[in-house]
Amino acid sequence: MLEATIDASLLKDSIESLSVLVDEARVHISPEGICVKAVDPA
């Protein structure tokens, strides 16, 4: 089980910045870090 505490405003700002660049993305959060991949909505 993973427990983490983050500053929600930092995550929100990151997602808002990403939304300017891509329409859809997959976000994977693991103990090693956060991975974001843009996906084709078609």
C-alpha atoms as a PDB file:
ATOM      1  CA  MET A   1       0.000   0.000   0.000  1.00  0.00           C
ATOM      2  CA  LEU A   2       1.242   3.464  -0.892  1.00  0.00           C
ATOM      3  CA  GLU A   3       0.608   6.421   1.363  1.00  0.00           C
ATOM      4  CA  ALA A   4       1.691   9.874   0.313  1.00  0.00           C
ATOM      5  CA  THR A   5       1.126  13.458   1.280  1.00  0.00           C
ATOM      6  CA  ILE A   6       1.481  16.098  -1.400  1.00  0.00           C
ATOM      7  CA  ASP A   7       0.653  19.726  -1.881  1.00  0.00           C
ATOM      8  CA  ALA A   8      -2.580  19.474  -3.871  1.00  0.00           C
ATOM      9  CA  SER A   9      -2.034  22.863  -5.502  1.00  0.00           C
ATOM     10  CA  LEU A  10       1.230  21.621  -7.049  1.00  0.00           C
ATOM     11  CA  LEU A  11      -0.513  18.590  -8.567  1.00  0.00           C
ATOM     12  CA  LYS A  12      -3.423  20.755  -9.744  1.00  0.00           C
ATOM     13  CA  ASP A  13      -1.083  23.268 -11.406  1.00  0.00           C
ATOM     14  CA  SER A  14       0.799  20.450 -13.133  1.00  0.00           C
ATOM     15  CA  ILE A  15      -2.397  18.926 -14.521  1.00  0.00           C
ATOM     16  CA  GLU A  16      -3.672  22.320 -15.675  1.00  0.00           C
ATOM     17  CA  SER A  17      -0.377  22.931 -17.499  1.00  0.00           C
ATOM     18  CA  LEU A  18      -0.625  19.526 -19.143  1.00  0.00           C
ATOM     19  CA  SER A  19      -4.196  20.193 -20.295  1.00  0.00           C
ATOM     20  CA  VAL A  20      -2.952  23.112 -22.405  1.00  0.00           C
ATOM     21  CA  LEU A  21      -0.769  20.709 -24.393  1.00  0.00           C
ATOM     22  CA  VAL A  22      -2.893  17.547 -24.739  1.00  0.00           C
ATOM     23  CA  ASP A  23      -6.586  16.584 -24.720  1.00  0.00           C
ATOM     24  CA  GLU A  24      -6.157  13.264 -22.896  1.00  0.00           C
ATOM     25  CA  ALA A  25      -3.420  11.758 -20.767  1.00  0.00           C
ATOM     26  CA  ARG A  26      -2.853   8.756 -18.534  1.00  0.00           C
ATOM     27  CA  VAL A  27      -1.284   9.377 -15.152  1.00  0.00           C
ATOM     28  CA  HIS A  28       0.426   6.559 -13.263  1.00  0.00           C
ATOM     29  CA  ILE A  29       1.557   7.226  -9.703  1.00  0.00           C
ATOM     30  CA  SER A  30       3.909   4.712  -8.087  1.00  0.00           C
ATOM     31  CA  PRO A  31       6.578   4.664  -5.378  1.00  0.00           C
ATOM     32  CA  GLU A  32       9.140   5.385  -8.109  1.00  0.00           C
ATOM     33  CA  GLY A  33       7.410   8.592  -9.222  1.00  0.00           C
ATOM     34  CA  ILE A  34       4.693   9.980 -11.467  1.00  0.00           C
ATOM     35  CA  CYS A  35       4.467   9.007 -15.137  1.00  0.00           C
ATOM     36  CA  VAL A  36       2.268  10.935 -17.571  1.00  0.00           C
ATOM     37  CA  LYS A  37       1.600   9.737 -21.116  1.00  0.00           C
ATOM     38  CA  ALA A  38      -0.435  11.606 -23.718  1.00  0.00           C
ATOM     39  CA  VAL A  39      -3.011   9.405 -25.464  1.00  0.00           C
ATOM     40  CA  ASP A  40      -4.873   9.759 -28.749  1.00  0.00           C
ATOM     41  CA  PRO A  41      -8.586  10.323 -28.033  1.00  0.00           C
ATOM     42  CA  ALA A  42      -9.611   8.648 -31.314  1.00  0.00           C
END
